[in-house]
Amino acid sequence: MRRKSPPDGATALRQLTARLAVADETLRAIRSGEVDTMVVAGKQGDRLFTLQGAEHVYRLLIESMNEGALTLTTDKTILYANQCFARMVKCPLEQLAGSSFRRFLSAPDRASLRPLMKRAAKTGSKLQVQLLANDGSQIPVQISIRLLGKNGFNQAPIGMVVTDLTEARRAEEMLRALTHRVVQVQETERSNVALELHDHITQELIAVLFSSQALSDKLSAREGPARREAMKLRGMLGRIADEVERISRNLRPSILDQLGLFAVMRSTTTEFTARTGVRVKLRGGSVVALLPADTVLALYRILQEALKNVEKHAHARHVTVSLRQPGGFVQLVISDDGIGFDARHHAARRKGHGVLGLVGMRERAAYVGGTLTVKSGPGAGTEIAVRIPLPPGTAAAAA
């Protein structure tokens, strides 16, 4: 049998040039969305995927998107990716098809993605993860997952839209910084107003009160009607002075810096019960007073707002306020036995029933790195729980 002689140099060059041309045309077709069939090499051999129903005009539309678009098999093999996703992960587009999407996720994010892929068949799913780019950088993204029609596949492929959250996160951080600044300015103004009320308005009222007392003392018994009016005026001035002093304390209680958070909480809840008739049980005197000033102020403001909501909306008879320090956190829980509300829909309601107050409390908690959760239901009362992390030194001192 005659052995086939190897091609000469010119023939080999022509064959290599032809193969390169085919490869270049294939890559061009992938980029432009003209490929309808693709072979993916795997552990169990080559697999053929037919991309039926993907019209050229829609491929062009997806390529023009500012979001990453992917089509995956059920084992997360990439069948299709647009240029935007390739730019996100800093990987050439031709290297994405046939590779695994898992390579761009950390181990924890892979674990979080797995159950979402299973649920996507029913309702679709969304997840925020850190995308790992080829150069080692990380990009915060939101992944939206939806099961697609089979269209010739044995198993329906998975459609995925990847939204870059970098700018959104930056805007969120800027908004949070602005919120923090607003809170600082607000507290400064409150302190200034409290000081003005205490040092000027209250002092003037007390002076008038003493004058009215002196006037009533000078009136003889024969001037009974005038004396009674003077006594009534003195009582009215006394109540006004007490109310101004209460407002001043609420704006900036001086004992907050002198005696600590729990002493102020006791004073606030006692005054609340005396004014509204709603009984308050206060727990947690064992919490140490070595809390950061910002944390102390945030907890106090949240307590104020929660009690205000109880007074205006809850129609409660009893309130429990608990302050605890579990480990490296401080936790404040305010619960009442009032009428409650539908906590699942309160975020969509922007007016009434203390919703704006809840938004303000969440902002207060976020300002010091904490979280605020609300549990409530019609006729089931309301529980507001605040959990704020403490600096390591504070936790150690508490221990």
Protein backbone atom coordinates (compact mmCIF):
# COMPACT_ATOMS: atom_id res chain seq x y z
CA MET A 1 0.00 0.00 0.00
CA ARG A 2 1.33 3.38 -0.96
CA ARG A 3 1.84 5.81 1.87
CA LYS A 4 0.31 9.22 1.41
CA SER A 5 3.07 11.76 1.21
CA PRO A 6 2.78 14.75 3.54
CA PRO A 7 1.74 18.01 1.93
CA ASP A 8 4.49 20.30 0.86
CA GLY A 9 5.02 23.67 2.56
CA ALA A 10 2.84 25.65 0.17
CA THR A 11 -0.06 23.19 0.48
CA ALA A 12 0.17 23.18 4.30
CA LEU A 13 0.18 26.96 4.32
CA ARG A 14 -2.94 27.08 2.13
CA GLN A 15 -4.71 24.58 4.40
CA LEU A 16 -3.78 26.55 7.53
CA THR A 17 -4.92 29.79 5.91
CA ALA A 18 -8.25 28.20 5.00
CA ARG A 19 -8.75 26.92 8.57
CA LEU A 20 -7.94 30.33 9.99
CA ALA A 21 -10.43 31.91 7.62
CA VAL A 22 -13.11 29.47 8.75
CA ALA A 23 -12.28 30.18 12.40
CA ASP A 24 -12.35 33.93 11.79
CA GLU A 25 -15.71 33.67 10.01
CA THR A 26 -17.06 31.55 12.88
CA LEU A 27 -16.00 34.14 15.45
CA ARG A 28 -17.53 36.90 13.35
CA ALA A 29 -20.78 34.94 13.14
CA ILE A 30 -20.80 34.41 16.91
CA ARG A 31 -20.25 38.12 17.53
CA SER A 32 -23.02 39.16 15.13
CA GLY A 33 -25.50 36.53 16.33
CA GLU A 34 -25.67 34.59 13.07
CA VAL A 35 -24.80 31.21 14.63
CA ASP A 36 -27.82 28.92 15.02
CA THR A 37 -25.96 25.74 15.94
CA MET A 38 -23.00 25.24 18.26
CA VAL A 39 -20.95 22.24 19.37
CA VAL A 40 -19.81 22.32 23.01
CA ALA A 41 -17.05 19.93 24.08
CA GLY A 42 -17.63 18.33 27.46
CA LYS A 43 -16.62 15.42 29.64
CA GLN A 44 -19.21 13.18 27.98
CA GLY A 45 -18.18 14.13 24.48
CA ASP A 46 -19.28 16.85 22.09
CA ARG A 47 -22.85 18.15 22.42
CA LEU A 48 -24.82 19.88 19.69
CA PHE A 49 -27.03 22.85 20.57
CA THR A 50 -29.48 24.29 18.06
CA LEU A 51 -30.40 27.90 18.82
CA GLN A 52 -33.80 27.93 17.17
CA GLY A 53 -36.03 30.97 17.36
CA ALA A 54 -33.17 33.41 17.95
CA GLU A 55 -33.75 35.80 15.10
CA HIS A 56 -30.88 37.89 13.84
CA VAL A 57 -32.61 41.21 14.58
CA TYR A 58 -33.14 40.23 18.22
CA ARG A 59 -29.52 39.16 18.52
CA LEU A 60 -28.49 42.61 17.32
CA LEU A 61 -30.81 44.17 19.90
CA ILE A 62 -29.24 42.13 22.71
CA GLU A 63 -25.77 43.05 21.49
CA SER A 64 -26.69 46.75 21.81
CA MET A 65 -27.87 46.37 25.43
CA ASN A 66 -26.04 48.06 28.29
CA GLU A 67 -26.55 44.91 30.35
CA GLY A 68 -24.91 41.54 30.08
CA ALA A 69 -27.05 38.85 28.40
CA LEU A 70 -26.37 35.12 28.60
CA THR A 71 -27.91 31.83 27.61
CA LEU A 72 -26.83 28.87 29.76
CA THR A 73 -27.41 25.15 29.86
CA THR A 74 -28.75 23.69 33.09
CA ASP A 75 -25.17 22.88 34.17
CA LYS A 76 -24.26 26.57 33.69
CA THR A 77 -22.34 26.15 30.43
CA ILE A 78 -22.46 29.39 28.43
CA LEU A 79 -24.16 28.95 25.05
CA TYR A 80 -24.31 32.64 24.23
CA ALA A 81 -22.99 35.87 25.72
CA ASN A 82 -23.17 39.41 24.42
CA GLN A 83 -20.34 41.92 24.19
CA CYS A 84 -21.46 43.79 27.30
CA PHE A 85 -20.98 40.73 29.49
CA ALA A 86 -17.60 40.06 27.88
CA ARG A 87 -16.53 43.61 28.80
CA MET A 88 -17.78 43.12 32.37
CA VAL A 89 -15.65 40.04 32.96
CA LYS A 90 -12.80 41.37 30.78
CA CYS A 91 -12.75 38.20 28.70
CA PRO A 92 -12.68 37.86 24.88
CA LEU A 93 -16.12 36.96 23.59
CA GLU A 94 -14.86 33.92 21.69
CA GLN A 95 -13.59 32.41 24.96
CA LEU A 96 -16.96 32.59 26.69
CA ALA A 97 -19.03 30.23 24.54
CA GLY A 98 -18.65 26.69 25.88
CA SER A 99 -17.07 27.78 29.16
CA SER A 100 -18.73 27.59 32.59
CA PHE A 101 -20.45 30.61 34.11
CA ARG A 102 -19.32 29.37 37.53
CA ARG A 103 -15.77 30.50 36.81
CA PHE A 104 -16.94 34.09 37.31
CA LEU A 105 -18.42 33.47 40.78
CA SER A 106 -16.95 32.93 44.23
CA ALA A 107 -17.78 29.70 46.09
CA PRO A 108 -20.40 31.37 48.35
CA ASP A 109 -22.08 33.01 45.35
CA ARG A 110 -22.14 29.68 43.51
CA ALA A 111 -23.93 28.15 46.48
CA SER A 112 -26.44 31.03 46.51
CA LEU A 113 -27.04 30.73 42.77
CA ARG A 114 -27.79 26.99 42.82
CA PRO A 115 -31.27 27.12 44.45
CA LEU A 116 -32.20 30.17 42.39
CA MET A 117 -31.50 28.29 39.18
CA LYS A 118 -33.95 25.61 40.32
CA ARG A 119 -36.66 28.13 41.23
CA ALA A 120 -36.24 30.06 37.97
CA ALA A 121 -38.48 27.55 36.18
CA LYS A 122 -41.53 28.81 38.08
CA THR A 123 -41.19 32.49 38.80
CA GLY A 124 -37.77 33.71 37.75
CA SER A 125 -35.23 34.85 40.31
CA LYS A 126 -32.88 37.71 41.12
CA LEU A 127 -29.62 37.67 43.06
CA GLN A 128 -26.90 40.20 43.82
CA VAL A 129 -23.36 38.80 43.62
CA GLN A 130 -19.76 39.86 43.05
CA LEU A 131 -18.68 38.97 39.52
CA LEU A 132 -15.02 37.87 39.29
CA ALA A 133 -13.37 39.36 36.19
CA ASN A 134 -10.40 37.83 34.42
CA ASP A 135 -8.05 40.53 35.73
CA GLY A 136 -8.94 39.73 39.36
CA SER A 137 -11.28 42.67 39.90
CA GLN A 138 -14.77 42.26 41.34
CA ILE A 139 -17.93 43.87 40.01
CA PRO A 140 -21.17 44.09 42.01
CA VAL A 141 -23.99 42.88 39.77
CA GLN A 142 -27.60 41.78 39.92
CA ILE A 143 -28.43 38.56 38.08
CA SER A 144 -31.95 38.04 36.74
CA ILE A 145 -32.70 34.44 35.78
CA ARG A 146 -35.55 33.06 33.68
CA LEU A 147 -36.11 29.63 32.14
CA LEU A 148 -36.50 29.84 28.35
CA GLY A 149 -38.54 27.67 26.00
CA LYS A 150 -36.97 24.36 24.90
CA ASN A 151 -36.96 25.22 21.17
CA GLY A 152 -35.27 21.96 20.24
CA PHE A 153 -33.25 21.47 23.42
CA ASN A 154 -33.62 18.32 25.51
CA GLN A 155 -33.73 20.65 28.52
CA ALA A 156 -34.84 24.25 28.42
CA PRO A 157 -31.88 26.68 28.51
CA ILE A 158 -31.63 29.45 31.06
CA GLY A 159 -31.72 33.12 30.14
CA MET A 160 -29.74 35.50 32.32
CA VAL A 161 -29.46 39.28 32.42
CA VAL A 162 -26.50 40.70 34.36
CA THR A 163 -26.80 44.33 35.54
CA ASP A 164 -23.70 46.20 36.66
CA LEU A 165 -24.43 47.82 40.05
CA THR A 166 -21.18 49.75 40.34
CA GLU A 167 -22.74 53.15 39.65
CA ALA A 168 -25.83 52.32 41.70
CA ARG A 169 -23.65 51.34 44.67
CA ARG A 170 -21.61 54.53 44.29
CA ALA A 171 -24.80 56.62 44.20
CA GLU A 172 -26.09 54.71 47.23
CA GLU A 173 -22.91 55.46 49.16
CA MET A 174 -23.12 59.13 48.22
CA LEU A 175 -26.76 59.23 49.33
CA ARG A 176 -25.87 57.54 52.61
CA ALA A 177 -23.05 60.04 53.18
CA LEU A 178 -25.48 62.87 52.46
CA THR A 179 -28.00 61.36 54.88
CA HIS A 180 -25.33 61.13 57.55
CA ARG A 181 -24.46 64.77 57.01
CA VAL A 182 -28.12 65.79 57.23
CA VAL A 183 -28.45 63.86 60.51
CA GLN A 184 -25.38 65.60 61.91
CA VAL A 185 -26.68 69.04 60.93
CA GLN A 186 -30.10 68.17 62.32
CA GLU A 187 -28.63 67.13 65.68
CA THR A 188 -26.53 70.29 65.84
CA GLU A 189 -29.61 72.43 65.20
CA ARG A 190 -31.60 70.50 67.78
CA SER A 191 -28.88 71.09 70.35
CA ASN A 192 -28.85 74.80 69.55
CA VAL A 193 -32.64 75.07 69.81
CA ALA A 194 -32.65 73.08 73.07
CA LEU A 195 -29.99 75.40 74.49
CA GLU A 196 -31.99 78.49 73.46
CA LEU A 197 -35.16 77.10 74.99
CA HIS A 198 -33.45 76.18 78.25
CA ASP A 199 -31.28 79.26 78.69
CA HIS A 200 -33.71 81.90 77.46
CA ILE A 201 -37.35 80.89 77.01
CA THR A 202 -37.53 78.72 80.13
CA GLN A 203 -35.75 81.33 82.22
CA GLU A 204 -38.14 84.05 81.04
CA LEU A 205 -41.15 81.87 81.79
CA ILE A 206 -39.87 81.15 85.29
CA ALA A 207 -39.35 84.85 85.88
CA VAL A 208 -42.94 85.57 84.79
CA LEU A 209 -44.10 82.69 86.97
CA PHE A 210 -42.44 84.19 90.03
CA SER A 211 -43.91 87.59 89.18
CA SER A 212 -47.41 86.12 88.96
CA GLN A 213 -46.86 84.41 92.31
CA ALA A 214 -45.76 87.69 93.87
CA LEU A 215 -48.81 89.43 92.37
CA SER A 216 -51.22 86.86 93.76
CA ASP A 217 -49.58 87.14 97.19
CA LYS A 218 -50.11 90.91 97.21
CA LEU A 219 -53.82 90.62 96.50
CA SER A 220 -55.94 90.65 99.63
CA ALA A 221 -58.80 88.31 100.42
CA ARG A 222 -61.27 91.09 99.53
CA GLU A 223 -59.93 90.94 95.96
CA GLY A 224 -60.95 87.30 95.61
CA PRO A 225 -61.79 87.24 91.86
CA ALA A 226 -58.51 88.95 90.90
CA ARG A 227 -56.56 86.65 93.22
CA ARG A 228 -58.18 83.57 91.66
CA GLU A 229 -57.30 84.83 88.17
CA ALA A 230 -53.72 85.43 89.28
CA MET A 231 -53.52 81.90 90.68
CA LYS A 232 -54.97 80.50 87.43
CA LEU A 233 -52.38 82.48 85.46
CA ARG A 234 -49.60 81.11 87.65
CA GLY A 235 -50.79 77.54 87.05
CA MET A 236 -50.94 78.12 83.29
CA LEU A 237 -47.44 79.57 83.24
CA GLY A 238 -46.18 76.61 85.26
CA ARG A 239 -47.62 74.14 82.75
CA ILE A 240 -46.14 76.09 79.83
CA ALA A 241 -42.72 76.13 81.51
CA ASP A 242 -42.92 72.36 82.08
CA GLU A 243 -43.89 71.75 78.45
CA VAL A 244 -41.05 73.93 77.13
CA GLU A 245 -38.63 72.10 79.41
CA ARG A 246 -39.95 68.74 78.12
CA ILE A 247 -39.48 69.84 74.49
CA SER A 248 -35.97 71.01 75.34
CA ARG A 249 -35.13 67.63 76.91
CA ASN A 250 -36.49 65.76 73.90
CA LEU A 251 -34.45 67.89 71.53
CA ARG A 252 -31.24 67.13 73.37
CA PRO A 253 -31.41 65.58 76.86
CA SER A 254 -28.42 66.79 78.85
CA ILE A 255 -28.41 63.62 80.98
CA LEU A 256 -27.75 61.59 77.80
CA ASP A 257 -24.12 62.64 78.05
CA GLN A 258 -24.01 62.71 81.84
CA LEU A 259 -25.86 59.57 82.97
CA GLY A 260 -25.99 57.39 79.86
CA LEU A 261 -28.62 55.87 77.61
CA PHE A 262 -30.56 53.73 80.09
CA ALA A 263 -31.16 56.63 82.50
CA VAL A 264 -32.59 58.69 79.63
CA MET A 265 -34.72 55.76 78.50
CA ARG A 266 -36.14 55.44 82.02
CA SER A 267 -36.90 59.17 82.14
CA THR A 268 -38.47 59.12 78.67
CA THR A 269 -40.68 56.09 79.28
CA THR A 270 -41.78 57.41 82.69
CA GLU A 271 -42.78 60.75 81.17
CA PHE A 272 -44.55 58.90 78.31
CA THR A 273 -46.64 56.86 80.76
CA ALA A 274 -47.53 59.94 82.83
CA ARG A 275 -48.63 61.84 79.72
CA THR A 276 -50.46 59.09 77.78
CA GLY A 277 -51.50 56.55 80.41
CA VAL A 278 -49.85 53.74 78.39
CA ARG A 279 -47.83 51.49 80.69
CA VAL A 280 -44.21 50.88 79.68
CA LYS A 281 -42.04 48.04 81.00
CA LEU A 282 -38.32 48.82 80.66
CA ARG A 283 -35.73 46.04 80.68
CA GLY A 284 -31.97 45.96 80.29
CA GLY A 285 -30.29 47.97 83.02
CA SER A 286 -27.26 45.66 82.87
CA VAL A 287 -26.11 47.12 79.53
CA VAL A 288 -22.90 49.02 80.06
CA ALA A 289 -22.71 52.74 79.41
CA LEU A 290 -19.60 52.49 77.20
CA LEU A 291 -21.53 52.86 73.96
CA PRO A 292 -20.32 55.19 71.19
CA ALA A 293 -22.01 58.60 71.24
CA ASP A 294 -23.51 58.13 67.75
CA THR A 295 -24.98 54.76 68.76
CA VAL A 296 -26.46 56.19 71.95
CA LEU A 297 -28.07 59.06 70.06
CA ALA A 298 -29.44 56.78 67.31
CA LEU A 299 -31.04 54.42 69.84
CA TYR A 300 -32.56 57.32 71.76
CA ARG A 301 -34.05 58.88 68.59
CA ILE A 302 -35.45 55.51 67.49
CA LEU A 303 -37.08 55.04 70.90
CA GLN A 304 -38.58 58.53 70.67
CA GLU A 305 -40.05 57.87 67.22
CA ALA A 306 -41.36 54.43 68.21
CA LEU A 307 -43.15 55.85 71.26
CA LYS A 308 -44.56 58.64 69.10
CA ASN A 309 -46.00 56.04 66.72
CA VAL A 310 -47.49 54.14 69.68
CA GLU A 311 -49.12 57.32 70.96
CA LYS A 312 -50.54 58.39 67.59
CA HIS A 313 -51.48 55.14 65.87
CA ALA A 314 -51.16 51.95 67.91
CA HIS A 315 -54.01 52.39 70.46
CA ALA A 316 -51.90 50.20 72.75
CA ARG A 317 -52.28 49.63 76.48
CA HIS A 318 -48.84 48.18 77.18
CA VAL A 319 -45.37 48.72 75.71
CA THR A 320 -42.20 46.76 76.44
CA VAL A 321 -38.79 48.34 75.83
CA SER A 322 -35.76 46.05 76.03
CA LEU A 323 -32.10 47.07 75.74
CA ARG A 324 -29.58 44.22 75.52
CA GLN A 325 -25.96 43.77 74.54
CA PRO A 326 -25.52 40.29 73.02
CA GLY A 327 -21.86 39.87 72.13
CA GLY A 328 -20.55 42.59 69.88
CA PHE A 329 -23.98 44.15 69.29
CA VAL A 330 -26.40 46.36 71.16
CA GLN A 331 -30.06 45.58 70.57
CA LEU A 332 -33.14 47.69 71.26
CA VAL A 333 -36.60 46.12 70.95
CA ILE A 334 -39.85 48.12 71.33
CA SER A 335 -43.06 46.07 71.25
CA ASP A 336 -46.68 47.04 71.88
CA ASP A 337 -50.07 45.29 72.08
CA GLY A 338 -51.78 47.76 69.75
CA ILE A 339 -53.79 47.35 66.57
CA GLY A 340 -50.70 46.73 64.40
CA PHE A 341 -50.61 47.01 60.61
CA ASP A 342 -49.72 44.94 57.55
CA ALA A 343 -45.92 45.02 57.65
CA ARG A 344 -45.68 43.34 54.22
CA HIS A 345 -47.17 46.34 52.46
CA HIS A 346 -46.02 49.27 54.59
CA ALA A 347 -43.05 50.00 52.30
CA ALA A 348 -45.43 50.76 49.44
CA ARG A 349 -47.41 53.21 51.55
CA ARG A 350 -45.72 56.58 51.79
CA LYS A 351 -48.23 58.43 53.95
CA GLY A 352 -49.91 57.93 57.29
CA HIS A 353 -49.70 55.36 60.08
CA GLY A 354 -46.14 56.15 60.99
CA VAL A 355 -44.62 54.77 57.77
CA LEU A 356 -42.41 57.81 57.26
CA GLY A 357 -41.39 57.43 60.89
CA LEU A 358 -40.28 53.87 60.15
CA VAL A 359 -38.21 55.11 57.21
CA GLY A 360 -36.54 57.66 59.50
CA MET A 361 -35.80 54.99 62.09
CA ARG A 362 -34.20 52.76 59.45
CA GLU A 363 -32.04 55.67 58.34
CA ARG A 364 -31.00 56.27 61.96
CA ALA A 365 -30.00 52.63 62.35
CA ALA A 366 -28.17 52.58 59.00
CA TYR A 367 -26.30 55.75 59.98
CA VAL A 368 -24.43 53.78 62.68
CA GLY A 369 -24.12 50.58 60.62
CA GLY A 370 -27.14 48.84 62.14
CA THR A 371 -30.35 47.27 60.91
CA LEU A 372 -33.99 47.76 61.86
CA THR A 373 -36.70 45.14 61.40
CA VAL A 374 -40.45 45.51 61.88
CA LYS A 375 -42.85 42.71 62.79
CA SER A 376 -46.53 43.55 62.81
CA GLY A 377 -49.92 42.40 61.68
CA PRO A 378 -53.51 43.62 61.95
CA GLY A 379 -54.56 43.15 65.56
CA ALA A 380 -51.20 41.60 66.48
CA GLY A 381 -49.29 44.61 67.79
CA THR A 382 -45.96 45.83 66.51
CA GLU A 383 -42.35 44.96 67.32
CA ILE A 384 -39.44 47.15 66.24
CA ALA A 385 -35.99 45.62 66.68
CA VAL A 386 -32.75 47.55 66.19
CA ARG A 387 -29.39 45.78 66.09
CA ILE A 388 -26.21 47.86 65.96
CA PRO A 389 -22.65 46.48 65.88
CA LEU A 390 -20.19 47.85 68.41
CA PRO A 391 -16.51 48.64 67.87
CA PRO A 392 -14.29 45.73 69.00
CA GLY A 393 -12.91 47.75 71.93
CA THR A 394 -16.41 48.49 73.18
CA ALA A 395 -17.42 44.85 73.11
CA ALA A 396 -14.27 43.86 74.99
CA ALA A 397 -14.90 46.52 77.62
CA ALA A 398 -18.44 45.26 78.06
CA ALA A 399 -17.22 41.70 78.55
